[in-house]
Each structure stands twice: as C-alpha cells, then as structure tokens.
C-alpha atoms as a PDB file:
ATOM      1  CA  UNK A   1      -8.322 -19.095   8.514  1.00  0.00           C
ATOM      2  CA  UNK A   2     -12.085 -19.671   8.156  1.00  0.00           C
ATOM      3  CA  UNK A   3     -13.347 -20.643   4.722  1.00  0.00           C
ATOM      4  CA  UNK A   4     -15.576 -17.539   4.594  1.00  0.00           C
ATOM      5  CA  UNK A   5     -12.582 -15.279   5.212  1.00  0.00           C
ATOM      6  CA  UNK A   6     -10.554 -17.192   2.647  1.00  0.00           C
ATOM      7  CA  UNK A   7     -13.332 -16.771   0.073  1.00  0.00           C
ATOM      8  CA  UNK A   8     -13.417 -13.019   0.675  1.00  0.00           C
ATOM      9  CA  UNK A   9      -9.654 -12.901   0.087  1.00  0.00           C
ATOM     10  CA  UNK A  10     -10.017 -14.847  -3.170  1.00  0.00           C
ATOM     11  CA  UNK A  11     -12.782 -12.554  -4.389  1.00  0.00           C
ATOM     12  CA  UNK A  12     -10.703  -9.465  -3.655  1.00  0.00           C
ATOM     13  CA  UNK A  13      -7.767 -10.941  -5.582  1.00  0.00           C
ATOM     14  CA  UNK A  14     -10.098 -11.635  -8.500  1.00  0.00           C
ATOM     15  CA  UNK A  15     -11.327  -8.030  -8.362  1.00  0.00           C
ATOM     16  CA  UNK A  16      -7.749  -6.784  -8.547  1.00  0.00           C
ATOM     17  CA  UNK A  17      -7.279  -8.878 -11.673  1.00  0.00           C
ATOM     18  CA  UNK A  18     -10.451  -7.425 -13.200  1.00  0.00           C
ATOM     19  CA  UNK A  19      -9.119  -3.921 -12.664  1.00  0.00           C
ATOM     20  CA  UNK A  20      -5.824  -4.843 -14.333  1.00  0.00           C
ATOM     21  CA  UNK A  21      -7.803  -6.140 -17.347  1.00  0.00           C
ATOM     22  CA  UNK A  22      -9.896  -2.952 -17.497  1.00  0.00           C
ATOM     23  CA  UNK A  23     -13.003  -4.878 -16.471  1.00  0.00           C
ATOM     24  CA  UNK A  24     -15.481  -4.360 -13.660  1.00  0.00           C
ATOM     25  CA  UNK A  25     -17.870  -6.581 -11.762  1.00  0.00           C
ATOM     26  CA  UNK A  26     -21.361  -6.929 -13.132  1.00  0.00           C
ATOM     27  CA  UNK A  27     -23.692  -5.927 -10.269  1.00  0.00           C
ATOM     28  CA  UNK A  28     -26.756  -7.212 -12.132  1.00  0.00           C
ATOM     29  CA  UNK A  29     -25.630 -10.855 -11.928  1.00  0.00           C
ATOM     30  CA  UNK A  30     -25.160 -12.966  -8.817  1.00  0.00           C
ATOM     31  CA  UNK A  31     -23.585 -16.420  -8.960  1.00  0.00           C
ATOM     32  CA  UNK A  32     -22.540 -18.889  -6.303  1.00  0.00           C
ATOM     33  CA  UNK A  33     -18.969 -17.630  -6.024  1.00  0.00           C
ATOM     34  CA  UNK A  34     -17.048 -20.791  -5.091  1.00  0.00           C
ATOM     35  CA  UNK A  35     -17.397 -24.045  -7.035  1.00  0.00           C
ATOM     36  CA  UNK A  36     -18.835 -27.113  -5.340  1.00  0.00           C
ATOM     37  CA  UNK A  37     -15.385 -28.669  -5.025  1.00  0.00           C
ATOM     38  CA  UNK A  38     -13.760 -25.434  -3.807  1.00  0.00           C
ATOM     39  CA  UNK A  39     -11.254 -25.111  -6.628  1.00  0.00           C
ATOM     40  CA  UNK A  40     -12.483 -21.999  -8.424  1.00  0.00           C
ATOM     41  CA  UNK A  41     -14.800 -19.010  -8.224  1.00  0.00           C
ATOM     42  CA  UNK A  42     -16.845 -17.203 -10.860  1.00  0.00           C
ATOM     43  CA  UNK A  43     -17.058 -13.427 -11.163  1.00  0.00           C
ATOM     44  CA  UNK A  44     -19.487 -11.958 -13.748  1.00  0.00           C
ATOM     45  CA  UNK A  45     -17.957  -8.830 -15.239  1.00  0.00           C
ATOM     46  CA  UNK A  46     -18.329  -6.085 -17.859  1.00  0.00           C
ATOM     47  CA  UNK A  47     -15.993  -4.552 -20.425  1.00  0.00           C
ATOM     48  CA  UNK A  48     -15.711  -0.898 -21.363  1.00  0.00           C
ATOM     49  CA  UNK A  49     -18.545  -1.315 -23.883  1.00  0.00           C
ATOM     50  CA  UNK A  50     -20.704  -3.139 -21.302  1.00  0.00           C
ATOM     51  CA  UNK A  51     -20.087  -6.456 -23.038  1.00  0.00           C
ATOM     52  CA  UNK A  52     -20.649  -9.275 -20.552  1.00  0.00           C
ATOM     53  CA  UNK A  53     -18.027 -11.832 -19.550  1.00  0.00           C
ATOM     54  CA  UNK A  54     -17.351 -14.226 -16.698  1.00  0.00           C
ATOM     55  CA  UNK A  55     -13.972 -14.568 -14.986  1.00  0.00           C
ATOM     56  CA  UNK A  56     -13.128 -18.006 -13.644  1.00  0.00           C
ATOM     57  CA  UNK A  57     -10.446 -17.602 -10.995  1.00  0.00           C
ATOM     58  CA  UNK A  58      -8.732 -20.760  -9.763  1.00  0.00           C
ATOM     59  CA  UNK A  59      -8.188 -20.776  -6.031  1.00  0.00           C
ATOM     60  CA  UNK A  60      -5.288 -22.256  -4.064  1.00  0.00           C
ATOM     61  CA  UNK A  61      -5.917 -25.117  -1.628  1.00  0.00           C
ATOM     62  CA  UNK A  62      -8.043 -24.054   1.321  1.00  0.00           C
ATOM     63  CA  UNK A  63      -6.843 -24.857   4.823  1.00  0.00           C
ATOM     64  CA  UNK A  64      -9.025 -27.428   6.510  1.00  0.00           C
ATOM     65  CA  UNK A  65     -10.583 -28.712   3.291  1.00  0.00           C
ATOM     66  CA  UNK A  66     -10.323 -32.291   2.025  1.00  0.00           C
ATOM     67  CA  UNK A  67      -9.835 -33.052  -1.646  1.00  0.00           C
ATOM     68  CA  UNK A  68     -10.173 -36.302  -3.651  1.00  0.00           C
ATOM     69  CA  UNK A  69      -7.470 -38.877  -2.972  1.00  0.00           C
ATOM     70  CA  UNK A  70      -4.430 -38.597  -5.198  1.00  0.00           C
ATOM     71  CA  UNK A  71      -5.344 -35.282  -6.870  1.00  0.00           C
ATOM     72  CA  UNK A  72      -2.868 -32.568  -7.826  1.00  0.00           C
ATOM     73  CA  UNK A  73      -4.777 -29.328  -7.315  1.00  0.00           C
ATOM     74  CA  UNK A  74      -2.625 -27.422  -9.790  1.00  0.00           C
ATOM     75  CA  UNK A  75      -3.883 -29.786 -12.504  1.00  0.00           C
ATOM     76  CA  UNK A  76      -7.463 -28.501 -12.229  1.00  0.00           C
ATOM     77  CA  UNK A  77      -6.683 -25.169 -13.956  1.00  0.00           C
ATOM     78  CA  UNK A  78      -4.242 -26.861 -16.330  1.00  0.00           C
ATOM     79  CA  UNK A  79      -6.946 -29.244 -17.522  1.00  0.00           C
ATOM     80  CA  UNK A  80      -9.635 -26.613 -17.931  1.00  0.00           C
ATOM     81  CA  UNK A  81      -7.437 -24.151 -19.815  1.00  0.00           C
ATOM     82  CA  UNK A  82      -5.907 -26.892 -21.964  1.00  0.00           C
ATOM     83  CA  UNK A  83      -9.357 -28.131 -22.944  1.00  0.00           C
ATOM     84  CA  UNK A  84     -10.455 -24.649 -23.971  1.00  0.00           C
ATOM     85  CA  UNK A  85      -7.264 -24.225 -26.012  1.00  0.00           C
ATOM     86  CA  UNK A  86      -7.973 -27.586 -27.628  1.00  0.00           C
ATOM     87  CA  UNK A  87     -11.473 -26.493 -28.630  1.00  0.00           C
ATOM     88  CA  UNK A  88     -10.195 -23.169 -29.920  1.00  0.00           C
ATOM     89  CA  UNK A  89      -7.844 -25.085 -32.221  1.00  0.00           C
ATOM     90  CA  UNK A  90     -10.330 -27.599 -33.634  1.00  0.00           C
ATOM     91  CA  UNK A  91     -13.792 -26.098 -33.041  1.00  0.00           C
ATOM     92  CA  UNK A  92     -13.625 -22.284 -32.744  1.00  0.00           C
ATOM     93  CA  UNK A  93     -17.270 -21.922 -33.822  1.00  0.00           C
ATOM     94  CA  UNK A  94     -18.388 -24.526 -31.263  1.00  0.00           C
ATOM     95  CA  UNK A  95     -20.078 -26.709 -33.867  1.00  0.00           C
ATOM     96  CA  UNK A  96     -18.713 -29.907 -32.305  1.00  0.00           C
ATOM     97  CA  UNK A  97     -19.488 -29.118 -28.662  1.00  0.00           C
ATOM     98  CA  UNK A  98     -21.454 -26.131 -27.285  1.00  0.00           C
ATOM     99  CA  UNK A  99     -19.276 -24.496 -24.630  1.00  0.00           C
ATOM    100  CA  UNK A 100     -18.468 -20.813 -23.918  1.00  0.00           C
ATOM    101  CA  UNK A 101     -15.927 -19.096 -26.147  1.00  0.00           C
ATOM    102  CA  UNK A 102     -12.570 -18.045 -24.741  1.00  0.00           C
ATOM    103  CA  UNK A 103     -11.636 -14.374 -24.418  1.00  0.00           C
ATOM    104  CA  UNK A 104      -8.323 -14.585 -22.536  1.00  0.00           C
ATOM    105  CA  UNK A 105      -6.301 -17.260 -20.718  1.00  0.00           C
ATOM    106  CA  UNK A 106      -3.625 -16.617 -18.127  1.00  0.00           C
ATOM    107  CA  UNK A 107      -0.327 -17.622 -19.822  1.00  0.00           C
ATOM    108  CA  UNK A 108       1.313 -18.794 -16.584  1.00  0.00           C
ATOM    109  CA  UNK A 109       1.689 -22.402 -15.510  1.00  0.00           C
ATOM    110  CA  UNK A 110      -0.452 -23.321 -13.767  1.00  0.00           C
ATOM    111  CA  UNK A 111      -2.968 -20.730 -15.003  1.00  0.00           C
ATOM    112  CA  UNK A 112      -4.623 -18.569 -12.363  1.00  0.00           C
ATOM    113  CA  UNK A 113      -7.647 -17.532 -14.414  1.00  0.00           C
ATOM    114  CA  UNK A 114      -9.590 -17.748 -17.647  1.00  0.00           C
ATOM    115  CA  UNK A 115     -11.970 -15.134 -19.095  1.00  0.00           C
ATOM    116  CA  UNK A 116     -14.978 -16.539 -20.974  1.00  0.00           C
ATOM    117  CA  UNK A 117     -17.947 -15.186 -22.869  1.00  0.00           C
ATOM    118  CA  UNK A 118     -21.049 -14.730 -20.763  1.00  0.00           C
ATOM    119  CA  UNK A 119     -24.009 -16.992 -21.554  1.00  0.00           C
ATOM    120  CA  UNK A 120     -27.203 -15.939 -19.827  1.00  0.00           C
ATOM    121  CA  UNK A 121     -29.196 -18.759 -18.285  1.00  0.00           C
ATOM    122  CA  UNK A 122     -32.895 -19.306 -18.895  1.00  0.00           C
ATOM    123  CA  UNK A 123     -35.309 -18.444 -16.109  1.00  0.00           C
ATOM    124  CA  UNK A 124     -37.477 -21.125 -14.550  1.00  0.00           C
ATOM    125  CA  UNK A 125     -37.304 -24.494 -12.782  1.00  0.00           C
ATOM    126  CA  UNK A 126     -34.566 -26.872 -13.881  1.00  0.00           C
ATOM    127  CA  UNK A 127     -37.186 -29.470 -14.806  1.00  0.00           C
ATOM    128  CA  UNK A 128     -38.550 -27.080 -17.439  1.00  0.00           C
ATOM    129  CA  UNK A 129     -35.197 -25.831 -18.744  1.00  0.00           C
ATOM    130  CA  UNK A 130     -33.227 -29.066 -18.905  1.00  0.00           C
ATOM    131  CA  UNK A 131     -34.687 -32.364 -20.011  1.00  0.00           C
ATOM    132  CA  UNK A 132     -33.410 -35.837 -20.804  1.00  0.00           C
ATOM    133  CA  UNK A 133     -33.012 -34.940 -24.502  1.00  0.00           C
ATOM    134  CA  UNK A 134     -30.528 -32.167 -23.683  1.00  0.00           C
ATOM    135  CA  UNK A 135     -28.700 -34.222 -21.055  1.00  0.00           C
ATOM    136  CA  UNK A 136     -28.195 -37.264 -23.265  1.00  0.00           C
ATOM    137  CA  UNK A 137     -27.641 -35.228 -26.428  1.00  0.00           C
ATOM    138  CA  UNK A 138     -24.876 -33.155 -24.878  1.00  0.00           C
ATOM    139  CA  UNK A 139     -23.258 -36.283 -23.484  1.00  0.00           C
ATOM    140  CA  UNK A 140     -23.317 -37.830 -26.968  1.00  0.00           C
ATOM    141  CA  UNK A 141     -21.667 -34.737 -28.466  1.00  0.00           C
ATOM    142  CA  UNK A 142     -18.903 -34.840 -25.859  1.00  0.00           C
ATOM    143  CA  UNK A 143     -18.212 -38.507 -26.535  1.00  0.00           C
ATOM    144  CA  UNK A 144     -17.980 -37.900 -30.282  1.00  0.00           C
ATOM    145  CA  UNK A 145     -14.754 -35.873 -29.903  1.00  0.00           C
ATOM    146  CA  UNK A 146     -12.102 -37.991 -31.672  1.00  0.00           C
ATOM    147  CA  UNK A 147      -9.557 -39.247 -29.165  1.00  0.00           C
ATOM    148  CA  UNK A 148      -6.763 -39.044 -31.722  1.00  0.00           C
ATOM    149  CA  UNK A 149      -7.211 -35.257 -31.623  1.00  0.00           C
ATOM    150  CA  UNK A 150      -7.437 -35.228 -27.855  1.00  0.00           C
ATOM    151  CA  UNK A 151      -4.408 -37.243 -26.792  1.00  0.00           C
ATOM    152  CA  UNK A 152      -0.738 -36.340 -26.738  1.00  0.00           C
ATOM    153  CA  UNK A 153      -1.203 -32.603 -26.267  1.00  0.00           C
ATOM    154  CA  UNK A 154       1.316 -30.719 -24.167  1.00  0.00           C
ATOM    155  CA  UNK A 155       0.380 -29.360 -20.729  1.00  0.00           C
ATOM    156  CA  UNK A 156      -2.854 -31.351 -20.674  1.00  0.00           C
ATOM    157  CA  UNK A 157      -2.884 -33.620 -17.573  1.00  0.00           C
ATOM    158  CA  UNK A 158      -5.916 -35.687 -18.507  1.00  0.00           C
ATOM    159  CA  UNK A 159      -7.832 -37.453 -15.770  1.00  0.00           C
ATOM    160  CA  UNK A 160      -8.406 -41.169 -16.235  1.00  0.00           C
ATOM    161  CA  UNK A 161     -11.879 -42.466 -15.453  1.00  0.00           C
ATOM    162  CA  UNK A 162     -11.706 -46.227 -16.055  1.00  0.00           C
ATOM    163  CA  UNK A 163     -12.022 -49.264 -13.798  1.00  0.00           C
ATOM    164  CA  UNK A 164      -8.287 -49.540 -13.121  1.00  0.00           C
ATOM    165  CA  UNK A 165      -8.130 -45.830 -12.258  1.00  0.00           C
ATOM    166  CA  UNK A 166     -11.114 -46.188  -9.922  1.00  0.00           C
ATOM    167  CA  UNK A 167      -9.384 -49.020  -8.116  1.00  0.00           C
ATOM    168  CA  UNK A 168      -6.087 -47.141  -7.888  1.00  0.00           C
ATOM    169  CA  UNK A 169      -7.863 -44.157  -6.329  1.00  0.00           C
ATOM    170  CA  UNK A 170      -9.793 -46.382  -3.936  1.00  0.00           C
ATOM    171  CA  UNK A 171      -6.572 -47.998  -2.713  1.00  0.00           C
ATOM    172  CA  UNK A 172      -5.351 -44.536  -1.710  1.00  0.00           C
ATOM    173  CA  UNK A 173      -8.455 -44.277   0.490  1.00  0.00           C
ATOM    174  CA  UNK A 174      -7.687 -47.528   2.341  1.00  0.00           C
ATOM    175  CA  UNK A 175      -7.374 -46.319   5.944  1.00  0.00           C
ATOM    176  CA  UNK A 176     -10.464 -44.074   6.277  1.00  0.00           C
ATOM    177  CA  UNK A 177     -12.637 -46.250   4.025  1.00  0.00           C
ATOM    178  CA  UNK A 178     -11.769 -49.590   5.633  1.00  0.00           C
ATOM    179  CA  UNK A 179     -12.740 -48.203   9.039  1.00  0.00           C
ATOM    180  CA  UNK A 180     -16.209 -47.412   7.682  1.00  0.00           C
ATOM    181  CA  UNK A 181     -17.012 -50.336   5.382  1.00  0.00           C
ATOM    182  CA  UNK A 182     -15.146 -53.177   7.114  1.00  0.00           C
ATOM    183  CA  UNK A 183     -13.127 -56.059   5.685  1.00  0.00           C
ATOM    184  CA  UNK A 184     -16.058 -57.918   4.128  1.00  0.00           C
ATOM    185  CA  UNK A 185     -17.128 -54.993   1.937  1.00  0.00           C
ATOM    186  CA  UNK A 186     -13.498 -54.178   1.132  1.00  0.00           C
ATOM    187  CA  UNK A 187     -12.939 -57.703  -0.219  1.00  0.00           C
ATOM    188  CA  UNK A 188     -16.246 -57.553  -2.111  1.00  0.00           C
ATOM    189  CA  UNK A 189     -15.179 -54.250  -3.647  1.00  0.00           C
ATOM    190  CA  UNK A 190     -11.886 -55.720  -4.885  1.00  0.00           C
ATOM    191  CA  UNK A 191     -13.659 -58.755  -6.372  1.00  0.00           C
ATOM    192  CA  UNK A 192     -16.216 -56.438  -7.968  1.00  0.00           C
ATOM    193  CA  UNK A 193     -13.597 -54.327  -9.730  1.00  0.00           C
ATOM    194  CA  UNK A 194     -11.907 -57.480 -11.038  1.00  0.00           C
ATOM    195  CA  UNK A 195     -15.186 -58.575 -12.658  1.00  0.00           C
ATOM    196  CA  UNK A 196     -15.976 -55.039 -13.858  1.00  0.00           C
ATOM    197  CA  UNK A 197     -12.610 -54.911 -15.600  1.00  0.00           C
ATOM    198  CA  UNK A 198     -13.379 -58.178 -17.385  1.00  0.00           C
ATOM    199  CA  UNK A 199     -16.595 -56.698 -18.807  1.00  0.00           C
ATOM    200  CA  UNK A 200     -15.339 -53.216 -19.661  1.00  0.00           C
ATOM    201  CA  UNK A 201     -11.651 -53.520 -20.551  1.00  0.00           C
ATOM    202  CA  UNK A 202     -12.202 -54.100 -24.283  1.00  0.00           C
ATOM    203  CA  UNK A 203     -14.525 -51.130 -24.781  1.00  0.00           C
ATOM    204  CA  UNK A 204     -13.058 -48.089 -26.544  1.00  0.00           C
ATOM    205  CA  UNK A 205     -12.320 -45.156 -24.263  1.00  0.00           C
ATOM    206  CA  UNK A 206     -14.318 -41.949 -24.591  1.00  0.00           C
ATOM    207  CA  UNK A 207     -13.873 -38.336 -23.566  1.00  0.00           C
ATOM    208  CA  UNK A 208     -15.175 -37.992 -19.989  1.00  0.00           C
ATOM    209  CA  UNK A 209     -16.242 -34.673 -18.468  1.00  0.00           C
ATOM    210  CA  UNK A 210     -15.603 -35.916 -14.935  1.00  0.00           C
ATOM    211  CA  UNK A 211     -18.202 -33.728 -13.207  1.00  0.00           C
ATOM    212  CA  UNK A 212     -21.199 -34.131 -15.474  1.00  0.00           C
ATOM    213  CA  UNK A 213     -24.026 -32.752 -13.332  1.00  0.00           C
ATOM    214  CA  UNK A 214     -27.044 -30.573 -13.996  1.00  0.00           C
ATOM    215  CA  UNK A 215     -25.200 -27.670 -12.345  1.00  0.00           C
ATOM    216  CA  UNK A 216     -22.606 -27.846 -15.129  1.00  0.00           C
ATOM    217  CA  UNK A 217     -25.136 -27.707 -17.967  1.00  0.00           C
ATOM    218  CA  UNK A 218     -26.250 -24.158 -18.726  1.00  0.00           C
ATOM    219  CA  UNK A 219     -29.414 -23.650 -20.808  1.00  0.00           C
ATOM    220  CA  UNK A 220     -29.777 -20.244 -22.475  1.00  0.00           C
ATOM    221  CA  UNK A 221     -33.118 -18.421 -23.015  1.00  0.00           C
ATOM    222  CA  UNK A 222     -33.434 -20.041 -26.466  1.00  0.00           C
ATOM    223  CA  UNK A 223     -33.269 -23.512 -24.911  1.00  0.00           C
ATOM    224  CA  UNK A 224     -29.738 -24.298 -26.103  1.00  0.00           C
ATOM    225  CA  UNK A 225     -27.635 -26.314 -23.610  1.00  0.00           C
ATOM    226  CA  UNK A 226     -23.968 -25.438 -22.972  1.00  0.00           C
ATOM    227  CA  UNK A 227     -21.473 -27.553 -21.060  1.00  0.00           C
ATOM    228  CA  UNK A 228     -19.186 -25.819 -18.549  1.00  0.00           C
ATOM    229  CA  UNK A 229     -16.507 -26.613 -15.928  1.00  0.00           C
ATOM    230  CA  UNK A 230     -13.762 -28.806 -17.391  1.00  0.00           C
ATOM    231  CA  UNK A 231     -11.462 -29.051 -14.382  1.00  0.00           C
ATOM    232  CA  UNK A 232     -11.867 -32.853 -14.310  1.00  0.00           C
ATOM    233  CA  UNK A 233     -11.875 -33.568 -18.045  1.00  0.00           C
ATOM    234  CA  UNK A 234     -10.290 -36.830 -19.087  1.00  0.00           C
ATOM    235  CA  UNK A 235     -10.789 -40.141 -20.851  1.00  0.00           C
ATOM    236  CA  UNK A 236     -12.092 -43.538 -19.883  1.00  0.00           C
ATOM    237  CA  UNK A 237     -15.365 -45.275 -19.039  1.00  0.00           C
ATOM    238  CA  UNK A 238     -18.122 -44.088 -21.381  1.00  0.00           C
ATOM    239  CA  UNK A 239     -20.736 -44.605 -18.642  1.00  0.00           C
ATOM    240  CA  UNK A 240     -18.956 -42.466 -16.044  1.00  0.00           C
ATOM    241  CA  UNK A 241     -20.618 -39.167 -16.866  1.00  0.00           C
ATOM    242  CA  UNK A 242     -24.108 -40.638 -17.038  1.00  0.00           C
ATOM    243  CA  UNK A 243     -23.655 -42.376 -13.683  1.00  0.00           C
ATOM    244  CA  UNK A 244     -22.330 -39.149 -12.158  1.00  0.00           C
ATOM    245  CA  UNK A 245     -25.318 -37.082 -13.297  1.00  0.00           C
ATOM    246  CA  UNK A 246     -27.880 -39.748 -12.454  1.00  0.00           C
ATOM    247  CA  UNK A 247     -26.738 -40.232  -8.873  1.00  0.00           C
ATOM    248  CA  UNK A 248     -26.187 -36.504  -8.190  1.00  0.00           C
ATOM    249  CA  UNK A 249     -29.581 -35.462  -9.563  1.00  0.00           C
ATOM    250  CA  UNK A 250     -32.087 -34.303  -6.957  1.00  0.00           C
ATOM    251  CA  UNK A 251     -35.103 -34.823  -9.188  1.00  0.00           C
ATOM    252  CA  UNK A 252     -37.899 -37.308  -8.510  1.00  0.00           C
ATOM    253  CA  UNK A 253     -37.250 -41.033  -8.543  1.00  0.00           C
ATOM    254  CA  UNK A 254     -39.762 -41.386 -11.366  1.00  0.00           C
ATOM    255  CA  UNK A 255     -37.809 -38.940 -13.545  1.00  0.00           C
ATOM    256  CA  UNK A 256     -34.523 -40.650 -12.727  1.00  0.00           C
ATOM    257  CA  UNK A 257     -35.976 -44.071 -13.589  1.00  0.00           C
ATOM    258  CA  UNK A 258     -37.079 -42.673 -16.938  1.00  0.00           C
ATOM    259  CA  UNK A 259     -33.597 -41.287 -17.569  1.00  0.00           C
ATOM    260  CA  UNK A 260     -32.029 -44.690 -16.855  1.00  0.00           C
ATOM    261  CA  UNK A 261     -34.481 -46.405 -19.181  1.00  0.00           C
ATOM    262  CA  UNK A 262     -33.635 -43.894 -21.923  1.00  0.00           C
ATOM    263  CA  UNK A 263     -29.913 -44.413 -21.419  1.00  0.00           C
ATOM    264  CA  UNK A 264     -30.084 -48.215 -21.564  1.00  0.00           C
ATOM    265  CA  UNK A 265     -32.918 -48.313 -24.104  1.00  0.00           C
ATOM    266  CA  UNK A 266     -30.779 -48.796 -27.208  1.00  0.00           C
ATOM    267  CA  UNK A 267     -28.366 -51.219 -25.555  1.00  0.00           C
ATOM    268  CA  UNK A 268     -29.166 -54.916 -25.768  1.00  0.00           C
ATOM    269  CA  UNK A 269     -27.436 -58.177 -24.947  1.00  0.00           C
ATOM    270  CA  UNK A 270     -23.780 -57.978 -23.977  1.00  0.00           C
ATOM    271  CA  UNK A 271     -23.701 -54.257 -24.759  1.00  0.00           C
ATOM    272  CA  UNK A 272     -26.330 -53.686 -22.082  1.00  0.00           C
ATOM    273  CA  UNK A 273     -24.408 -55.835 -19.600  1.00  0.00           C
ATOM    274  CA  UNK A 274     -21.170 -53.937 -20.245  1.00  0.00           C
ATOM    275  CA  UNK A 275     -22.965 -50.609 -19.795  1.00  0.00           C
ATOM    276  CA  UNK A 276     -24.437 -51.767 -16.492  1.00  0.00           C
ATOM    277  CA  UNK A 277     -20.978 -52.781 -15.276  1.00  0.00           C
ATOM    278  CA  UNK A 278     -19.628 -49.390 -16.387  1.00  0.00           C
ATOM    279  CA  UNK A 279     -22.310 -47.509 -14.447  1.00  0.00           C
ATOM    280  CA  UNK A 280     -21.901 -49.726 -11.391  1.00  0.00           C
ATOM    281  CA  UNK A 281     -18.119 -49.260 -11.349  1.00  0.00           C
ATOM    282  CA  UNK A 282     -18.514 -45.474 -11.408  1.00  0.00           C
ATOM    283  CA  UNK A 283     -21.062 -45.636  -8.579  1.00  0.00           C
ATOM    284  CA  UNK A 284     -18.898 -47.880  -6.402  1.00  0.00           C
ATOM    285  CA  UNK A 285     -16.067 -45.387  -6.795  1.00  0.00           C
ATOM    286  CA  UNK A 286     -18.400 -42.449  -6.020  1.00  0.00           C
ATOM    287  CA  UNK A 287     -19.833 -44.123  -2.909  1.00  0.00           C
ATOM    288  CA  UNK A 288     -16.358 -44.920  -1.547  1.00  0.00           C
ATOM    289  CA  UNK A 289     -15.204 -41.394  -2.277  1.00  0.00           C
ATOM    290  CA  UNK A 290     -18.173 -39.981  -0.355  1.00  0.00           C
ATOM    291  CA  UNK A 291     -17.490 -42.299   2.573  1.00  0.00           C
ATOM    292  CA  UNK A 292     -13.825 -41.279   2.667  1.00  0.00           C
ATOM    293  CA  UNK A 293     -14.637 -37.566   2.599  1.00  0.00           C
ATOM    294  CA  UNK A 294     -17.243 -37.890   5.355  1.00  0.00           C
ATOM    295  CA  UNK A 295     -14.901 -39.939   7.526  1.00  0.00           C
ATOM    296  CA  UNK A 296     -12.133 -37.338   7.226  1.00  0.00           C
ATOM    297  CA  UNK A 297     -14.459 -34.367   7.679  1.00  0.00           C
ATOM    298  CA  UNK A 298     -16.933 -35.681  10.264  1.00  0.00           C
ATOM    299  CA  UNK A 299     -15.348 -38.693  11.910  1.00  0.00           C
ATOM    300  CA  UNK A 300     -18.026 -41.008  13.239  1.00  0.00           C
ATOM    301  CA  UNK A 301     -20.712 -38.314  12.962  1.00  0.00           C
ATOM    302  CA  UNK A 302     -21.574 -38.682   9.274  1.00  0.00           C
ATOM    303  CA  UNK A 303     -25.357 -38.232   8.899  1.00  0.00           C
ATOM    304  CA  UNK A 304     -25.247 -39.622   5.345  1.00  0.00           C
ATOM    305  CA  UNK A 305     -23.462 -42.855   6.294  1.00  0.00           C
ATOM    306  CA  UNK A 306     -26.508 -45.159   5.861  1.00  0.00           C
ATOM    307  CA  UNK A 307     -27.356 -43.580   2.507  1.00  0.00           C
ATOM    308  CA  UNK A 308     -23.833 -43.911   1.107  1.00  0.00           C
ATOM    309  CA  UNK A 309     -23.419 -47.474   2.390  1.00  0.00           C
ATOM    310  CA  UNK A 310     -26.739 -48.329   0.729  1.00  0.00           C
ATOM    311  CA  UNK A 311     -25.471 -46.852  -2.551  1.00  0.00           C
ATOM    312  CA  UNK A 312     -22.263 -48.890  -2.254  1.00  0.00           C
ATOM    313  CA  UNK A 313     -24.129 -52.117  -1.531  1.00  0.00           C
ATOM    314  CA  UNK A 314     -26.615 -51.536  -4.382  1.00  0.00           C
ATOM    315  CA  UNK A 315     -23.824 -50.796  -6.851  1.00  0.00           C
ATOM    316  CA  UNK A 316     -21.863 -53.869  -5.764  1.00  0.00           C
ATOM    317  CA  UNK A 317     -24.965 -56.070  -6.135  1.00  0.00           C
ATOM    318  CA  UNK A 318     -26.486 -54.552  -9.288  1.00  0.00           C
ATOM    319  CA  UNK A 319     -29.802 -56.013 -10.428  1.00  0.00           C
ATOM    320  CA  UNK A 320     -33.250 -54.623  -9.746  1.00  0.00           C
ATOM    321  CA  UNK A 321     -32.173 -52.856  -6.568  1.00  0.00           C
ATOM    322  CA  UNK A 322     -30.176 -50.466  -8.737  1.00  0.00           C
ATOM    323  CA  UNK A 323     -31.601 -50.559 -12.270  1.00  0.00           C
ATOM    324  CA  UNK A 324     -35.205 -50.612 -13.496  1.00  0.00           C
ATOM    325  CA  UNK A 325     -36.417 -53.965 -14.777  1.00  0.00           C
END
C-alpha cells in the first residue's frame, strides 16, 4: 500500500474518532498531517461551542518505512501520553513548562490518540517568531524538571539519550552502517564513544525531549513559546537536545554560529570540554542514524552521503571544524 493511500486511511479513521467524540474538523486550519517520523498525525477540530482543539492520532507502522534501530513503535504514544499525565499531576497550570493542556487521553494501552487544547501559531518567518532566547530558555525550563518526580512512573517507557545508549543503538546499525563508513571509521567511532563516556559519565542526567527542533516549538501571537511532540521524551545527556536543534536548523550559518556561542558562553574549563563531548556524541549518533536510514532506503544512491559523512568526521574530530573558536 502506498504511503499516500495509507495516510488517507489514517485520516479517515481519525475523522471517525472525531465524530464519536462529537467533534468536527476545523476547515479554517491546515497542518502537515503526518509527523516527520511518520508516527502520528494532527487533525485540528472544533467542539459544539466552536472551541478549538487538536487531535493527535498515533498511526500504526507503515509498510515500506524504516524506523530508528531498536525502537518499539507502540512506545511512542505511551511516552507522549504518560508525559502529559505527568504534567497534569505536577504542573496543571503549566507554570513549570509551557505545553498544551490535555482535554482527553485514550485510556487503552497503547493509546491511539490524545486530544489537546489548540494553540494558534504566530504569523511570520520563523526567524522573527523564534529566537535564541526562546530556544535556550525553553530548553532550560525542560531541564529543570526534577528527575525524582520523573522516574519510576508506571507505563512510562522513557527513552535513554546518553553515551552508552548511543553506542548500543549504533551497534544495532552495524551491517548497513559498516558498509557505508568502512572499518576505519567504525573503529574510530568506538574509540570516540569510549572517550566521550569518560568525559560525560559523571554528569547528572537531565530530562531530554528527544526531538528538540524548531518544528516542535510553537510560538503564539503573543510571542510565548510552547513545546510540543513528546513521543521521544527521556533522560540522559544534557547536550542532546541542543545538538539536535542546532544540526537540524536550516537557518544561516552565521545564526547557527551565534547560537553555539550562546550555548557554550557560560561554560568554561572542564565544564566546556564536557559540554563539547556531549554535543559531539549526540552528533556522531545522529550522523550514523542518517547514514543507516539512507542505506536502507536508497541503497548506494544516497544524495546526502557526502554531507552526512562530513558531519560524522567533524563530530569525531571536534575542534574548530565543528565549533566556533
């Protein structure tokens, strides 16, 4: 079944759910229906009093699609719904972390859907709506969630985003990745993670969003940023989310250099070195993940192969090729 046909089927199933909840689609709002990692779709909708909501409907695995190594797809909705339940229990007014409020959650396991309040996005270019202050401020708020409140909760399959977890995931990619990077880079990667662990292992773990990108930060018309999409929420390397956003950003190199300088600006000495190792470890994992996906999806015809190999080599080497002086 083609992905387009599958998407149409998912949307129709979501519409049936809306009807059962006495809701209807909102024709005035158009969103990209399927998430970037093909695990959910968003349907803006209206209640009987024209109050606005958004339905997030978690989709089953799509035939012909490749997913990250070692993932359990049913854990995506479990994580997202568990995180929202967690916030409802400790931060119902969203004073700790600005995210949408929950209206309803599917009680099944794994959940099929969650209904959230609608937050209208501001109009205008991303560069005007979302700046470094909002990006770094929201990241700080996320990392301030006390881990003792976060851990040990039932039905909450947290992701782990630390150096050991990176390496464990990479080992699951061995066959397709080795074919692309060769034995020399594979050995360098293993040595790199050993050194990265030495520098980062004693740092306290933080809450990690797991997909911290500009697409998952919503800025309302009053300029307030909201964080969305918690399918990959977990704990681990405090630099993971920054590295993820930095490398996925499509803004100018000058802006990205400024963001890196802001991020490292308050870190000096060994703290700066540990942060650099944390960012580099996340980028090595990301580059290898990209190379694996392209190998499985495109074989030897990956047009982004030189770019992703360059990212891998720069992250392995560190220094001025990766970070501003």
